Amino acid sequence: MSAKDKSADESSIAKLIHEEDEDLTGFQWDDGLVLSVFWALAFVVFLQFFTRYVLNNSLGWTEEIARFLLITVTFLGAVMAVRRESHIAVELAFRWLSRPVRKALQYFIDIVSIVFYGFMGFLCTQVAGRTQQKMVSLDFPKSSIYWFISACFLAMTIYALIVFWRHLRSGSSRLIDPETAKATGPTL
């Protein structure tokens, strides 16, 4: 390989690396919590696979812990998605509606989301209060996972209220003005 080809390869690699730089300014400490729990889940699932198929002697607690870690990642991720306004939406229908209709529909979606998160949090606290069981593999109350989910729904409700207030104040969102909104949504 000639020096010219080597130089061209190095410049294209440098350009590729530079293009892949991500803007991490929208991430907060709770996003790191989601990532940490995700990697704990990955470790437990790998440990389960390794002990079951390689050692032929499965650890009994890994399946239950993996299930609860998956629930944890799901609800922490949902809190992050509400905060970042990155839940999925059917944007195609909004493109053919007038701006006032899009605005009214955005406010309706915000209100329904707030009511849904609040009601689900209420129901979850009722389930948590009535659950007296312990986990099968560990001597730990199963109600703790329901209390955690309730806290996540509370956080989603608070973030949804903040997002609704921002939509009211600014009069814009990614559904109201899709051509000017950021792809990942604003952060709180």
Protein backbone atom coordinates (compact mmCIF):
# COMPACT_ATOMS: atom_id res chain seq x y z
CA MET A 1 0.00 0.00 0.00
CA SER A 2 1.41 3.34 -0.99
CA ALA A 3 1.76 6.31 1.33
CA LYS A 4 -0.93 8.14 -0.65
CA ASP A 5 -3.44 5.28 -0.23
CA LYS A 6 -2.57 4.98 3.46
CA SER A 7 -3.10 8.72 3.94
CA ALA A 8 -6.44 8.57 2.11
CA ASP A 9 -7.57 5.65 4.32
CA GLU A 10 -6.57 7.51 7.49
CA SER A 11 -8.40 10.66 6.41
CA SER A 12 -11.55 8.69 5.54
CA ILE A 13 -11.42 6.93 8.92
CA ALA A 14 -10.96 10.26 10.69
CA LYS A 15 -13.89 11.70 8.72
CA LEU A 16 -16.03 8.69 9.60
CA ILE A 17 -15.17 9.00 13.29
CA HIS A 18 -15.91 12.72 13.21
CA GLU A 19 -19.29 12.13 11.52
CA GLU A 20 -20.30 9.63 14.20
CA ASP A 21 -19.75 12.05 17.09
CA GLU A 22 -23.00 12.18 19.03
CA ASP A 23 -24.37 15.12 20.92
CA LEU A 24 -24.72 13.84 24.48
CA THR A 25 -25.95 17.08 26.02
CA GLY A 26 -29.51 15.78 26.40
CA PHE A 27 -28.54 12.85 28.59
CA GLN A 28 -28.93 12.99 32.35
CA TRP A 29 -27.90 10.83 35.31
CA ASP A 30 -31.06 8.70 35.08
CA ASP A 31 -30.12 7.74 31.53
CA GLY A 32 -26.94 6.25 32.96
CA LEU A 33 -29.08 4.34 35.44
CA VAL A 34 -30.99 2.74 32.57
CA LEU A 35 -27.72 1.77 30.92
CA SER A 36 -26.36 0.29 34.17
CA VAL A 37 -29.45 -1.81 34.76
CA PHE A 38 -29.37 -2.94 31.13
CA TRP A 39 -25.79 -4.19 31.51
CA ALA A 40 -26.70 -5.91 34.78
CA LEU A 41 -29.51 -7.64 32.87
CA ALA A 42 -27.10 -8.64 30.11
CA PHE A 43 -24.69 -10.08 32.69
CA VAL A 44 -27.43 -12.09 34.46
CA VAL A 45 -28.76 -13.48 31.16
CA PHE A 46 -25.24 -14.41 30.06
CA LEU A 47 -24.64 -16.06 33.44
CA GLN A 48 -27.87 -18.00 33.06
CA PHE A 49 -26.88 -19.14 29.57
CA PHE A 50 -23.35 -20.06 30.67
CA THR A 51 -24.41 -22.06 33.72
CA ARG A 52 -27.22 -23.84 31.88
CA TYR A 53 -25.52 -24.77 28.61
CA VAL A 54 -21.82 -24.76 29.40
CA LEU A 55 -21.72 -25.99 33.00
CA ASN A 56 -24.96 -27.99 32.62
CA ASN A 57 -25.99 -26.82 36.10
CA SER A 58 -28.26 -23.77 35.95
CA LEU A 59 -28.41 -21.20 38.73
CA GLY A 60 -31.99 -21.04 39.98
CA TRP A 61 -32.15 -17.31 40.73
CA THR A 62 -31.02 -15.98 37.35
CA GLU A 63 -34.36 -16.36 35.55
CA GLU A 64 -36.36 -14.47 38.17
CA ILE A 65 -33.76 -11.74 38.58
CA ALA A 66 -33.52 -11.35 34.79
CA ARG A 67 -37.30 -10.92 34.64
CA PHE A 68 -37.28 -8.19 37.28
CA LEU A 69 -34.28 -6.45 35.71
CA LEU A 70 -36.12 -6.45 32.37
CA ILE A 71 -39.13 -4.82 34.06
CA THR A 72 -36.79 -2.26 35.63
CA VAL A 73 -35.15 -1.41 32.30
CA THR A 74 -38.55 -1.11 30.65
CA PHE A 75 -39.97 1.38 33.12
CA LEU A 76 -36.76 3.39 33.53
CA GLY A 77 -36.63 3.61 29.74
CA ALA A 78 -40.26 4.74 29.65
CA VAL A 79 -39.47 7.54 32.10
CA MET A 80 -36.54 8.57 29.90
CA ALA A 81 -38.76 8.48 26.78
CA VAL A 82 -41.41 10.71 28.39
CA ARG A 83 -38.74 13.18 29.52
CA ARG A 84 -37.15 13.29 26.05
CA GLU A 85 -40.53 13.24 24.23
CA SER A 86 -39.33 10.29 22.21
CA HIS A 87 -42.24 7.87 22.55
CA ILE A 88 -43.46 6.67 19.18
CA ALA A 89 -46.22 8.60 17.47
CA VAL A 90 -48.11 8.27 14.23
CA GLU A 91 -46.74 11.36 12.55
CA LEU A 92 -48.04 10.59 9.09
CA ALA A 93 -51.63 11.62 9.93
CA PHE A 94 -50.43 14.93 11.38
CA ARG A 95 -48.88 16.00 8.08
CA TRP A 96 -52.28 16.39 6.39
CA LEU A 97 -54.00 18.20 9.25
CA SER A 98 -54.08 21.96 9.65
CA ARG A 99 -51.87 23.48 12.32
CA PRO A 100 -54.76 24.36 14.70
CA VAL A 101 -56.05 20.78 14.51
CA ARG A 102 -52.53 19.41 15.10
CA LYS A 103 -52.18 21.71 18.09
CA ALA A 104 -55.51 20.61 19.61
CA LEU A 105 -54.65 16.97 18.98
CA GLN A 106 -51.24 17.41 20.65
CA TYR A 107 -52.88 18.91 23.73
CA PHE A 108 -55.40 16.06 23.79
CA ILE A 109 -52.58 13.49 23.58
CA ASP A 110 -50.73 15.27 26.40
CA ILE A 111 -53.79 15.23 28.66
CA VAL A 112 -54.58 11.58 27.92
CA SER A 113 -50.95 10.68 28.66
CA ILE A 114 -50.99 12.52 32.00
CA VAL A 115 -54.24 10.83 33.03
CA PHE A 116 -53.00 7.42 31.90
CA TYR A 117 -49.66 7.66 33.74
CA GLY A 118 -51.33 8.95 36.89
CA PHE A 119 -54.05 6.28 36.86
CA MET A 120 -51.58 3.48 36.20
CA GLY A 121 -49.42 4.75 39.07
CA PHE A 122 -52.49 4.73 41.34
CA LEU A 123 -53.37 1.17 40.33
CA CYS A 124 -49.78 0.06 40.81
CA THR A 125 -49.68 1.46 44.34
CA GLN A 126 -52.83 -0.54 45.13
CA VAL A 127 -51.22 -3.73 43.82
CA ALA A 128 -48.02 -2.99 45.73
CA GLY A 129 -49.93 -2.44 48.96
CA ARG A 130 -51.77 -5.75 48.61
CA THR A 131 -48.80 -7.90 47.57
CA GLN A 132 -47.40 -9.87 50.49
CA GLN A 133 -45.39 -12.46 48.56
CA LYS A 134 -41.64 -12.85 48.56
CA MET A 135 -39.60 -13.62 45.48
CA VAL A 136 -39.16 -17.33 44.87
CA SER A 137 -35.39 -17.40 44.64
CA LEU A 138 -34.52 -14.56 47.02
CA ASP A 139 -35.93 -13.53 50.38
CA PHE A 140 -37.04 -10.15 49.07
CA PRO A 141 -40.59 -8.74 48.93
CA LYS A 142 -42.16 -8.84 45.51
CA SER A 143 -44.06 -5.65 46.32
CA SER A 144 -40.80 -3.70 45.97
CA ILE A 145 -40.92 -4.09 42.19
CA TYR A 146 -44.50 -2.75 42.18
CA TRP A 147 -43.48 0.21 44.33
CA PHE A 148 -40.66 0.86 41.88
CA ILE A 149 -43.10 0.77 38.95
CA SER A 150 -45.39 3.17 40.85
CA ALA A 151 -42.45 5.55 41.30
CA CYS A 152 -41.71 5.32 37.57
CA PHE A 153 -45.34 6.15 36.75
CA LEU A 154 -45.14 9.10 39.14
CA ALA A 155 -42.00 10.32 37.35
CA MET A 156 -43.71 9.83 33.97
CA THR A 157 -46.72 11.84 35.19
CA ILE A 158 -44.50 14.68 36.40
CA TYR A 159 -42.48 14.72 33.18
CA ALA A 160 -45.69 14.58 31.10
CA LEU A 161 -47.03 17.59 33.03
CA ILE A 162 -43.80 19.48 32.33
CA VAL A 163 -43.98 18.53 28.64
CA PHE A 164 -47.63 19.63 28.46
CA TRP A 165 -46.75 22.95 30.09
CA ARG A 166 -43.92 23.42 27.58
CA HIS A 167 -46.30 22.69 24.68
CA LEU A 168 -48.82 25.19 26.04
CA ARG A 169 -46.18 27.87 26.60
CA SER A 170 -44.36 27.49 23.30
CA GLY A 171 -47.33 26.48 21.16
CA SER A 172 -45.13 23.99 19.35
CA SER A 173 -43.99 20.37 19.48
CA ARG A 174 -42.60 17.79 17.11
CA LEU A 175 -46.17 16.82 16.13
CA ILE A 176 -47.44 20.39 15.79
CA ASP A 177 -44.44 21.63 13.78
CA PRO A 178 -42.67 18.50 12.49
CA GLU A 179 -40.47 20.40 10.04
CA THR A 180 -38.79 22.48 12.76
CA ALA A 181 -38.62 19.94 15.61
CA LYS A 182 -35.49 18.04 16.54
CA ALA A 183 -35.51 14.32 15.76
CA THR A 184 -34.87 13.20 19.33
CA GLY A 185 -37.14 15.72 20.98
CA PRO A 186 -36.29 18.33 23.56
CA THR A 187 -34.96 17.38 26.95
CA LEU A 188 -36.01 18.52 30.37
